[in-house]
Amino acid sequence: MNAPVNPKELELQTVEFKLDGQTIISYEGETILKAAKRHGIDIPHLCFKDGYRPDGNCRACVVEINGERTLAPSCCRSATPGMEVKANSERALKSQKLVLEMLLSDMPDEGFKWVGDSKEEELKNQHGELSTWASRMDVTVRPELKALRRAKVASDISHPAMAVNLDACIQCNRCVRACREEQVNDVIGYAMRGAHSEIVFDLNDPMGESTCVACGECVQACPTGALMPKGLIGSQTVDRKVDSVCPFCGVGCQITYNVKDEKIVSV
């Protein structure tokens, strides 16, 4: 016979710490970034995605912790009792903005554009989450940094459903984790080292010739548009939006068609 369960053993243990002077209640083992998000505090992040293993490689989410010499990535640093964290200190903000600026400086001048209601909205978000965070934190790229941009990488449109634009890749590793750890397909990986490292499919095959099963996990994980649905390449300005009902089953879910030149370009 199983022993009775003590209700207190099922309770989540909490940790109290300070973030920019505000008292934050964190669950035991919860990262600073996730605790901050629960309390409505935004810290920039690119390699972190809810549900994925935190990797801490983009360094956009670094924070200052009292008593520590170096800045710490908040996406993979757990809070401890009494910890004092500063995400908006001069030092932390300078580092966060510098990371965003350096990543943005290496982006193509015109990325795969995202669906928007106007030309201005397209340009504002053409590099996805990176453009969004840069806009929110008022980050602009200095010309001297833009001049150091790497050589343009050829795009890959060999796959029938997905387009690969590694020119916009920031090597955040989200697509690798999506493919290897979430879907367990292990098609996407890294090749080379240092400045020459790049995302590859299988043994550096074109995506369309790889063992990719077209699940789409990597596309929805990519924060910059380096991996996109093939139907969304190019300008996504639409002529009109048409509300409708999904015909797939009898539930009656509401959907919206984006129409351009009398053709449905996205849903």
C-alpha atoms as a PDB file:
ATOM      1  CA  MET A   1       0.000   0.000   0.000  1.00  0.00           C
ATOM      2  CA  ASN A   2       1.312   3.419  -0.914  1.00  0.00           C
ATOM      3  CA  ALA A   3       2.113   5.822   1.894  1.00  0.00           C
ATOM      4  CA  PRO A   4      -0.209   8.858   2.175  1.00  0.00           C
ATOM      5  CA  VAL A   5       1.030  11.986   0.423  1.00  0.00           C
ATOM      6  CA  ASN A   6       1.812  14.995   2.565  1.00  0.00           C
ATOM      7  CA  PRO A   7       0.027  17.997   0.930  1.00  0.00           C
ATOM      8  CA  LYS A   8       2.974  20.238   1.831  1.00  0.00           C
ATOM      9  CA  GLU A   9       5.247  18.078  -0.302  1.00  0.00           C
ATOM     10  CA  LEU A  10       3.127  18.950  -3.351  1.00  0.00           C
ATOM     11  CA  GLU A  11       3.339  22.699  -2.773  1.00  0.00           C
ATOM     12  CA  LEU A  12       5.689  24.622  -5.034  1.00  0.00           C
ATOM     13  CA  GLN A  13       8.527  26.137  -3.062  1.00  0.00           C
ATOM     14  CA  THR A  14       9.079  29.837  -3.688  1.00  0.00           C
ATOM     15  CA  VAL A  15      12.093  32.119  -3.608  1.00  0.00           C
ATOM     16  CA  GLU A  16      12.030  35.859  -2.982  1.00  0.00           C
ATOM     17  CA  PHE A  17      14.532  38.168  -4.675  1.00  0.00           C
ATOM     18  CA  LYS A  18      14.840  41.766  -5.845  1.00  0.00           C
ATOM     19  CA  LEU A  19      14.718  42.857  -9.493  1.00  0.00           C
ATOM     20  CA  ASP A  20      15.376  46.545 -10.111  1.00  0.00           C
ATOM     21  CA  GLY A  21      14.200  47.252  -6.570  1.00  0.00           C
ATOM     22  CA  GLN A  22      10.958  45.288  -6.968  1.00  0.00           C
ATOM     23  CA  THR A  23      10.294  42.188  -4.870  1.00  0.00           C
ATOM     24  CA  ILE A  24       9.833  39.154  -7.110  1.00  0.00           C
ATOM     25  CA  ILE A  25       8.404  35.817  -6.005  1.00  0.00           C
ATOM     26  CA  SER A  26      10.028  33.036  -8.012  1.00  0.00           C
ATOM     27  CA  TYR A  27       9.378  29.312  -7.971  1.00  0.00           C
ATOM     28  CA  GLU A  28      12.313  27.217  -6.836  1.00  0.00           C
ATOM     29  CA  GLY A  29      14.533  26.518  -9.842  1.00  0.00           C
ATOM     30  CA  GLU A  30      12.788  29.130 -12.004  1.00  0.00           C
ATOM     31  CA  THR A  31      15.056  31.397 -14.033  1.00  0.00           C
ATOM     32  CA  ILE A  32      15.263  35.144 -13.512  1.00  0.00           C
ATOM     33  CA  LEU A  33      13.870  35.759 -17.009  1.00  0.00           C
ATOM     34  CA  LYS A  34      10.789  33.575 -16.534  1.00  0.00           C
ATOM     35  CA  ALA A  35      10.083  35.033 -13.095  1.00  0.00           C
ATOM     36  CA  ALA A  36      10.404  38.536 -14.537  1.00  0.00           C
ATOM     37  CA  LYS A  37       7.981  37.697 -17.368  1.00  0.00           C
ATOM     38  CA  ARG A  38       5.400  36.406 -14.874  1.00  0.00           C
ATOM     39  CA  HIS A  39       5.589  39.750 -13.090  1.00  0.00           C
ATOM     40  CA  GLY A  40       5.189  41.751 -16.311  1.00  0.00           C
ATOM     41  CA  ILE A  41       8.842  42.787 -16.564  1.00  0.00           C
ATOM     42  CA  ASP A  42      10.379  42.484 -20.025  1.00  0.00           C
ATOM     43  CA  ILE A  43      14.044  41.623 -20.476  1.00  0.00           C
ATOM     44  CA  PRO A  44      15.236  41.365 -24.103  1.00  0.00           C
ATOM     45  CA  HIS A  45      15.927  37.827 -25.279  1.00  0.00           C
ATOM     46  CA  LEU A  46      16.421  36.025 -28.589  1.00  0.00           C
ATOM     47  CA  CYS A  47      17.795  32.519 -27.997  1.00  0.00           C
ATOM     48  CA  PHE A  48      15.203  31.808 -25.271  1.00  0.00           C
ATOM     49  CA  LYS A  49      11.815  30.342 -26.198  1.00  0.00           C
ATOM     50  CA  ASP A  50       9.136  29.126 -23.783  1.00  0.00           C
ATOM     51  CA  GLY A  51       9.118  25.350 -23.589  1.00  0.00           C
ATOM     52  CA  TYR A  52      12.661  24.967 -24.927  1.00  0.00           C
ATOM     53  CA  ARG A  53      15.794  24.258 -22.928  1.00  0.00           C
ATOM     54  CA  PRO A  54      17.477  27.622 -22.172  1.00  0.00           C
ATOM     55  CA  ASP A  55      20.796  27.960 -23.966  1.00  0.00           C
ATOM     56  CA  GLY A  56      22.100  31.392 -22.943  1.00  0.00           C
ATOM     57  CA  ASN A  57      24.136  31.968 -26.087  1.00  0.00           C
ATOM     58  CA  CYS A  58      22.783  35.248 -27.520  1.00  0.00           C
ATOM     59  CA  ARG A  59      23.533  37.273 -24.370  1.00  0.00           C
ATOM     60  CA  ALA A  60      20.737  39.756 -25.086  1.00  0.00           C
ATOM     61  CA  CYS A  61      19.167  39.018 -21.673  1.00  0.00           C
ATOM     62  CA  VAL A  62      22.180  39.699 -19.450  1.00  0.00           C
ATOM     63  CA  VAL A  63      21.557  41.260 -16.041  1.00  0.00           C
ATOM     64  CA  GLU A  64      23.728  42.618 -13.247  1.00  0.00           C
ATOM     65  CA  ILE A  65      23.760  40.657  -9.984  1.00  0.00           C
ATOM     66  CA  ASN A  66      25.042  42.285  -6.810  1.00  0.00           C
ATOM     67  CA  GLY A  67      28.308  40.749  -5.647  1.00  0.00           C
ATOM     68  CA  GLU A  68      29.186  39.247  -9.029  1.00  0.00           C
ATOM     69  CA  ARG A  69      31.826  40.650 -11.361  1.00  0.00           C
ATOM     70  CA  THR A  70      30.370  39.522 -14.683  1.00  0.00           C
ATOM     71  CA  LEU A  71      26.913  39.952 -16.161  1.00  0.00           C
ATOM     72  CA  ALA A  72      24.741  36.825 -16.123  1.00  0.00           C
ATOM     73  CA  PRO A  73      22.283  35.545 -18.748  1.00  0.00           C
ATOM     74  CA  SER A  74      18.884  35.725 -17.058  1.00  0.00           C
ATOM     75  CA  CYS A  75      17.414  32.979 -19.273  1.00  0.00           C
ATOM     76  CA  CYS A  76      19.475  30.219 -17.656  1.00  0.00           C
ATOM     77  CA  ARG A  77      20.284  31.676 -14.228  1.00  0.00           C
ATOM     78  CA  SER A  78      17.983  30.562 -11.425  1.00  0.00           C
ATOM     79  CA  ALA A  79      16.969  33.007  -8.733  1.00  0.00           C
ATOM     80  CA  THR A  80      18.210  32.454  -5.181  1.00  0.00           C
ATOM     81  CA  PRO A  81      16.834  33.837  -1.900  1.00  0.00           C
ATOM     82  CA  GLY A  82      17.896  37.430  -1.269  1.00  0.00           C
ATOM     83  CA  MET A  83      19.487  37.865  -4.702  1.00  0.00           C
ATOM     84  CA  GLU A  84      19.555  41.466  -5.950  1.00  0.00           C
ATOM     85  CA  VAL A  85      19.300  41.735  -9.726  1.00  0.00           C
ATOM     86  CA  LYS A  86      19.460  44.795 -11.968  1.00  0.00           C
ATOM     87  CA  ALA A  87      18.127  44.473 -15.512  1.00  0.00           C
ATOM     88  CA  ASN A  88      17.820  48.214 -16.104  1.00  0.00           C
ATOM     89  CA  SER A  89      21.136  49.382 -14.690  1.00  0.00           C
ATOM     90  CA  GLU A  90      23.393  51.437 -16.952  1.00  0.00           C
ATOM     91  CA  ARG A  91      25.819  48.541 -17.328  1.00  0.00           C
ATOM     92  CA  ALA A  92      23.150  45.918 -18.111  1.00  0.00           C
ATOM     93  CA  LEU A  93      21.306  48.135 -20.595  1.00  0.00           C
ATOM     94  CA  LYS A  94      24.537  49.061 -22.368  1.00  0.00           C
ATOM     95  CA  SER A  95      25.383  45.395 -22.855  1.00  0.00           C
ATOM     96  CA  GLN A  96      21.848  44.445 -23.948  1.00  0.00           C
ATOM     97  CA  LYS A  97      21.752  47.233 -26.529  1.00  0.00           C
ATOM     98  CA  LEU A  98      25.241  46.450 -27.812  1.00  0.00           C
ATOM     99  CA  VAL A  99      24.296  42.812 -28.413  1.00  0.00           C
ATOM    100  CA  LEU A 100      21.155  43.856 -30.313  1.00  0.00           C
ATOM    101  CA  GLU A 101      23.102  46.417 -32.345  1.00  0.00           C
ATOM    102  CA  MET A 102      25.830  43.946 -33.301  1.00  0.00           C
ATOM    103  CA  LEU A 103      23.303  41.302 -34.347  1.00  0.00           C
ATOM    104  CA  LEU A 104      21.243  43.849 -36.283  1.00  0.00           C
ATOM    105  CA  SER A 105      24.349  45.168 -38.054  1.00  0.00           C
ATOM    106  CA  ASP A 106      24.907  41.718 -39.558  1.00  0.00           C
ATOM    107  CA  MET A 107      21.384  41.443 -40.947  1.00  0.00           C
ATOM    108  CA  PRO A 108      20.674  41.838 -44.680  1.00  0.00           C
ATOM    109  CA  ASP A 109      19.386  45.275 -45.651  1.00  0.00           C
ATOM    110  CA  GLU A 110      16.069  43.743 -46.605  1.00  0.00           C
ATOM    111  CA  GLY A 111      15.062  40.523 -44.933  1.00  0.00           C
ATOM    112  CA  PHE A 112      12.172  38.202 -45.644  1.00  0.00           C
ATOM    113  CA  LYS A 113       9.327  40.557 -44.784  1.00  0.00           C
ATOM    114  CA  TRP A 114       6.670  39.657 -42.259  1.00  0.00           C
ATOM    115  CA  VAL A 115       2.940  40.075 -42.744  1.00  0.00           C
ATOM    116  CA  GLY A 116       1.852  43.601 -41.871  1.00  0.00           C
ATOM    117  CA  ASP A 117      -0.898  46.084 -42.629  1.00  0.00           C
ATOM    118  CA  SER A 118       1.433  48.721 -44.059  1.00  0.00           C
ATOM    119  CA  LYS A 119       4.836  49.224 -45.642  1.00  0.00           C
ATOM    120  CA  GLU A 120       6.048  50.926 -42.471  1.00  0.00           C
ATOM    121  CA  GLU A 121       5.013  47.944 -40.346  1.00  0.00           C
ATOM    122  CA  GLU A 122       6.810  45.565 -42.731  1.00  0.00           C
ATOM    123  CA  LEU A 123      10.086  47.452 -42.510  1.00  0.00           C
ATOM    124  CA  LYS A 124       9.789  47.772 -38.747  1.00  0.00           C
ATOM    125  CA  ASN A 125       9.522  44.013 -38.245  1.00  0.00           C
ATOM    126  CA  GLN A 126      11.399  42.633 -41.237  1.00  0.00           C
ATOM    127  CA  HIS A 127      13.888  40.813 -38.992  1.00  0.00           C
ATOM    128  CA  GLY A 128      11.259  39.423 -36.632  1.00  0.00           C
ATOM    129  CA  GLU A 129      11.950  39.419 -32.897  1.00  0.00           C
ATOM    130  CA  LEU A 130      15.343  41.080 -33.391  1.00  0.00           C
ATOM    131  CA  SER A 131      13.731  44.092 -35.083  1.00  0.00           C
ATOM    132  CA  THR A 132      11.018  44.191 -32.420  1.00  0.00           C
ATOM    133  CA  TRP A 133      13.484  44.310 -29.518  1.00  0.00           C
ATOM    134  CA  ALA A 134      15.719  46.828 -31.319  1.00  0.00           C
ATOM    135  CA  SER A 135      12.715  49.087 -31.855  1.00  0.00           C
ATOM    136  CA  ARG A 136      11.537  48.767 -28.246  1.00  0.00           C
ATOM    137  CA  MET A 137      14.994  49.587 -26.894  1.00  0.00           C
ATOM    138  CA  ASP A 138      15.642  52.362 -29.430  1.00  0.00           C
ATOM    139  CA  VAL A 139      18.674  50.614 -30.947  1.00  0.00           C
ATOM    140  CA  THR A 140      20.100  51.855 -34.239  1.00  0.00           C
ATOM    141  CA  VAL A 141      23.140  50.501 -36.059  1.00  0.00           C
ATOM    142  CA  ARG A 142      26.246  52.658 -36.366  1.00  0.00           C
ATOM    143  CA  PRO A 143      27.659  52.868 -39.930  1.00  0.00           C
ATOM    144  CA  GLU A 144      31.081  51.627 -38.806  1.00  0.00           C
ATOM    145  CA  LEU A 145      29.492  48.404 -37.509  1.00  0.00           C
ATOM    146  CA  LYS A 146      27.430  47.935 -40.663  1.00  0.00           C
ATOM    147  CA  ALA A 147      30.642  48.192 -42.699  1.00  0.00           C
ATOM    148  CA  LEU A 148      31.975  45.064 -40.950  1.00  0.00           C
ATOM    149  CA  ARG A 149      29.038  42.922 -42.047  1.00  0.00           C
ATOM    150  CA  ARG A 150      29.933  39.386 -43.151  1.00  0.00           C
ATOM    151  CA  ALA A 151      29.773  38.304 -46.789  1.00  0.00           C
ATOM    152  CA  LYS A 152      26.274  37.560 -48.064  1.00  0.00           C
ATOM    153  CA  VAL A 153      25.197  33.934 -47.677  1.00  0.00           C
ATOM    154  CA  ALA A 154      23.249  32.329 -50.516  1.00  0.00           C
ATOM    155  CA  SER A 155      19.613  31.500 -49.784  1.00  0.00           C
ATOM    156  CA  ASP A 156      18.213  27.987 -50.137  1.00  0.00           C
ATOM    157  CA  ILE A 157      14.731  27.521 -51.606  1.00  0.00           C
ATOM    158  CA  SER A 158      15.130  23.848 -52.509  1.00  0.00           C
ATOM    159  CA  HIS A 159      12.464  22.740 -50.016  1.00  0.00           C
ATOM    160  CA  PRO A 160       8.840  22.828 -51.237  1.00  0.00           C
ATOM    161  CA  ALA A 161       7.482  24.360 -48.024  1.00  0.00           C
ATOM    162  CA  MET A 162      10.299  26.264 -46.304  1.00  0.00           C
ATOM    163  CA  ALA A 163      12.857  28.872 -47.322  1.00  0.00           C
ATOM    164  CA  VAL A 164      16.314  29.157 -45.776  1.00  0.00           C
ATOM    165  CA  ASN A 165      17.986  32.560 -45.564  1.00  0.00           C
ATOM    166  CA  LEU A 166      21.099  32.038 -43.430  1.00  0.00           C
ATOM    167  CA  ASP A 167      22.089  35.623 -44.215  1.00  0.00           C
ATOM    168  CA  ALA A 168      19.642  36.505 -41.422  1.00  0.00           C
ATOM    169  CA  CYS A 169      20.797  33.767 -39.025  1.00  0.00           C
ATOM    170  CA  ILE A 170      22.082  34.864 -35.592  1.00  0.00           C
ATOM    171  CA  GLN A 171      22.979  31.297 -34.550  1.00  0.00           C
ATOM    172  CA  CYS A 172      20.683  31.415 -31.543  1.00  0.00           C
ATOM    173  CA  ASN A 173      20.391  27.610 -31.728  1.00  0.00           C
ATOM    174  CA  ARG A 174      16.596  27.635 -31.441  1.00  0.00           C
ATOM    175  CA  CYS A 175      16.124  25.712 -34.704  1.00  0.00           C
ATOM    176  CA  VAL A 176      18.667  23.096 -33.609  1.00  0.00           C
ATOM    177  CA  ARG A 177      16.883  22.583 -30.287  1.00  0.00           C
ATOM    178  CA  ALA A 178      13.512  22.533 -32.076  1.00  0.00           C
ATOM    179  CA  CYS A 179      14.618  19.810 -34.480  1.00  0.00           C
ATOM    180  CA  ARG A 180      16.844  17.786 -32.176  1.00  0.00           C
ATOM    181  CA  GLU A 181      15.176  18.084 -28.775  1.00  0.00           C
ATOM    182  CA  GLU A 182      11.515  18.906 -29.432  1.00  0.00           C
ATOM    183  CA  GLN A 183      10.761  16.873 -32.566  1.00  0.00           C
ATOM    184  CA  VAL A 184      13.723  14.470 -32.182  1.00  0.00           C
ATOM    185  CA  ASN A 185      14.425  14.489 -35.929  1.00  0.00           C
ATOM    186  CA  ASP A 186      18.065  15.596 -35.587  1.00  0.00           C
ATOM    187  CA  VAL A 187      18.261  17.025 -39.113  1.00  0.00           C
ATOM    188  CA  ILE A 188      19.606  20.471 -38.173  1.00  0.00           C
ATOM    189  CA  GLY A 189      23.050  20.940 -36.661  1.00  0.00           C
ATOM    190  CA  TYR A 190      26.213  23.046 -36.733  1.00  0.00           C
ATOM    191  CA  ALA A 191      29.207  22.839 -39.038  1.00  0.00           C
ATOM    192  CA  MET A 192      32.617  24.551 -38.787  1.00  0.00           C
ATOM    193  CA  ARG A 193      33.803  26.629 -35.830  1.00  0.00           C
ATOM    194  CA  GLY A 194      34.093  30.225 -34.651  1.00  0.00           C
ATOM    195  CA  ALA A 195      33.235  32.902 -37.218  1.00  0.00           C
ATOM    196  CA  HIS A 196      32.837  30.202 -39.876  1.00  0.00           C
ATOM    197  CA  SER A 197      30.203  28.186 -37.985  1.00  0.00           C
ATOM    198  CA  GLU A 198      26.850  27.813 -39.700  1.00  0.00           C
ATOM    199  CA  ILE A 199      23.561  25.962 -39.506  1.00  0.00           C
ATOM    200  CA  VAL A 200      23.450  22.892 -41.764  1.00  0.00           C
ATOM    201  CA  PHE A 201      20.950  20.198 -42.681  1.00  0.00           C
ATOM    202  CA  ASP A 202      22.263  16.645 -42.362  1.00  0.00           C
ATOM    203  CA  LEU A 203      25.743  16.610 -43.968  1.00  0.00           C
ATOM    204  CA  ASN A 204      25.457  20.182 -45.304  1.00  0.00           C
ATOM    205  CA  ASP A 205      22.799  19.153 -47.817  1.00  0.00           C
ATOM    206  CA  PRO A 206      20.287  21.567 -49.370  1.00  0.00           C
ATOM    207  CA  MET A 207      17.215  21.547 -47.144  1.00  0.00           C
ATOM    208  CA  GLY A 208      15.083  20.053 -49.920  1.00  0.00           C
ATOM    209  CA  GLU A 209      17.475  17.111 -50.265  1.00  0.00           C
ATOM    210  CA  SER A 210      17.875  16.487 -46.537  1.00  0.00           C
ATOM    211  CA  THR A 211      15.897  14.098 -44.342  1.00  0.00           C
ATOM    212  CA  CYS A 212      13.686  16.994 -43.166  1.00  0.00           C
ATOM    213  CA  VAL A 213      10.102  15.806 -42.597  1.00  0.00           C
ATOM    214  CA  ALA A 214       8.628  19.327 -42.979  1.00  0.00           C
ATOM    215  CA  CYS A 215       7.146  19.445 -39.469  1.00  0.00           C
ATOM    216  CA  GLY A 216       7.721  23.219 -39.338  1.00  0.00           C
ATOM    217  CA  GLU A 217       9.026  23.284 -35.749  1.00  0.00           C
ATOM    218  CA  CYS A 218      12.224  25.077 -36.806  1.00  0.00           C
ATOM    219  CA  VAL A 219      10.310  27.723 -38.768  1.00  0.00           C
ATOM    220  CA  GLN A 220       8.094  28.703 -35.850  1.00  0.00           C
ATOM    221  CA  ALA A 221      11.161  28.722 -33.587  1.00  0.00           C
ATOM    222  CA  CYS A 222      13.332  31.037 -35.719  1.00  0.00           C
ATOM    223  CA  PRO A 223      13.330  34.607 -34.318  1.00  0.00           C
ATOM    224  CA  THR A 224      14.739  36.460 -37.355  1.00  0.00           C
ATOM    225  CA  GLY A 225      13.263  34.989 -40.529  1.00  0.00           C
ATOM    226  CA  ALA A 226      16.313  32.905 -41.407  1.00  0.00           C
ATOM    227  CA  LEU A 227      13.805  30.047 -41.690  1.00  0.00           C
ATOM    228  CA  MET A 228      10.436  31.021 -43.154  1.00  0.00           C
ATOM    229  CA  PRO A 229       7.385  29.444 -44.778  1.00  0.00           C
ATOM    230  CA  LYS A 230       8.160  29.515 -48.488  1.00  0.00           C
ATOM    231  CA  GLY A 231       4.861  31.215 -49.253  1.00  0.00           C
ATOM    232  CA  LEU A 232       5.896  34.245 -47.189  1.00  0.00           C
ATOM    233  CA  ILE A 233       9.013  35.178 -49.179  1.00  0.00           C
ATOM    234  CA  GLY A 234       9.051  38.761 -50.421  1.00  0.00           C
ATOM    235  CA  SER A 235       6.708  41.626 -49.674  1.00  0.00           C
ATOM    236  CA  GLN A 236       3.693  40.657 -47.621  1.00  0.00           C
ATOM    237  CA  THR A 237       1.607  43.763 -48.259  1.00  0.00           C
ATOM    238  CA  VAL A 238      -1.873  42.461 -49.013  1.00  0.00           C
ATOM    239  CA  ASP A 239      -4.778  44.024 -50.893  1.00  0.00           C
ATOM    240  CA  ARG A 240      -7.406  43.020 -48.366  1.00  0.00           C
ATOM    241  CA  LYS A 241      -8.265  40.674 -45.507  1.00  0.00           C
ATOM    242  CA  VAL A 242     -11.287  38.383 -45.694  1.00  0.00           C
ATOM    243  CA  ASP A 243     -12.796  36.792 -42.582  1.00  0.00           C
ATOM    244  CA  SER A 244     -14.085  33.260 -43.054  1.00  0.00           C
ATOM    245  CA  VAL A 245     -14.662  29.900 -41.356  1.00  0.00           C
ATOM    246  CA  CYS A 246     -12.171  27.023 -41.493  1.00  0.00           C
ATOM    247  CA  PRO A 247     -13.631  24.260 -43.730  1.00  0.00           C
ATOM    248  CA  PHE A 248     -11.465  21.469 -42.299  1.00  0.00           C
ATOM    249  CA  CYS A 249     -13.968  20.154 -39.737  1.00  0.00           C
ATOM    250  CA  GLY A 250     -17.293  21.038 -38.176  1.00  0.00           C
ATOM    251  CA  VAL A 251     -16.007  23.089 -35.227  1.00  0.00           C
ATOM    252  CA  GLY A 252     -16.304  26.378 -37.111  1.00  0.00           C
ATOM    253  CA  CYS A 253     -13.055  28.132 -36.172  1.00  0.00           C
ATOM    254  CA  GLN A 254     -12.770  31.708 -37.432  1.00  0.00           C
ATOM    255  CA  ILE A 255      -9.907  32.425 -39.855  1.00  0.00           C
ATOM    256  CA  THR A 256      -8.721  35.412 -41.888  1.00  0.00           C
ATOM    257  CA  TYR A 257      -7.436  35.156 -45.460  1.00  0.00           C
ATOM    258  CA  ASN A 258      -4.768  37.604 -46.653  1.00  0.00           C
ATOM    259  CA  VAL A 259      -5.554  38.303 -50.317  1.00  0.00           C
ATOM    260  CA  LYS A 260      -3.217  39.783 -52.930  1.00  0.00           C
ATOM    261  CA  ASP A 261      -3.922  39.989 -56.672  1.00  0.00           C
ATOM    262  CA  GLU A 262      -7.117  38.003 -56.046  1.00  0.00           C
ATOM    263  CA  LYS A 263      -5.114  35.093 -54.613  1.00  0.00           C
ATOM    264  CA  ILE A 264      -4.899  33.859 -51.016  1.00  0.00           C
ATOM    265  CA  VAL A 265      -1.268  34.360 -49.952  1.00  0.00           C
ATOM    266  CA  SER A 266      -1.582  33.417 -46.287  1.00  0.00           C
ATOM    267  CA  VAL A 267      -4.121  32.545 -43.611  1.00  0.00           C
END
